[in-house]
């Protein structure tokens, strides 16, 4: 009877170890596939606020999940990334295909909800501290940058047209 119990415990332990290994590999693949990864504290957010945050992140093709810190640390160690100073207490991780979009969403959300606090991240494979995350959050959106670029391009022919018009009026006088 004792052998049976120990054998059953070994099978259960093996399943737990396999499940943890699967979570670690999931975290690793999400980090590898993301342009930006942001660690943040979420304690104090209500269910409604959490759902709102998930919706806003989904709009930017991003998501967030909560993993055990030990499993996250193991995944980061496997990828040779050191964020261990930021893995104390409950943390959530946002993953985004765009390098700036999830950082902007989280930063804007944190302004309205003081319970959310950005801690650190990985942007295009480089570790980003809170200062860098704040700088990235202040960058205009892709659409805003494209609009600024287009207006810059339009300014040249517009100024040229004004110059030609003034020159033609000068010639007429």
Foldseek 3Di string as FASTA:
>chain_A
DVVVVVVVVVVVVVVVVVVLVVVLVVLLVLQVQFQKKWKKFQPPDDPVLVVVLQVQQVVQVKGKDWDQLVSNCVSCVVVVHDPNVVSPDTIMMMGHNDQQRNLLSQVVSCVVPVRMDTAWMAHRNRTGGPVRSVVSNPDDDPVVVVVVVVVVVVVVVVVVVVVVVVVVVVVVD
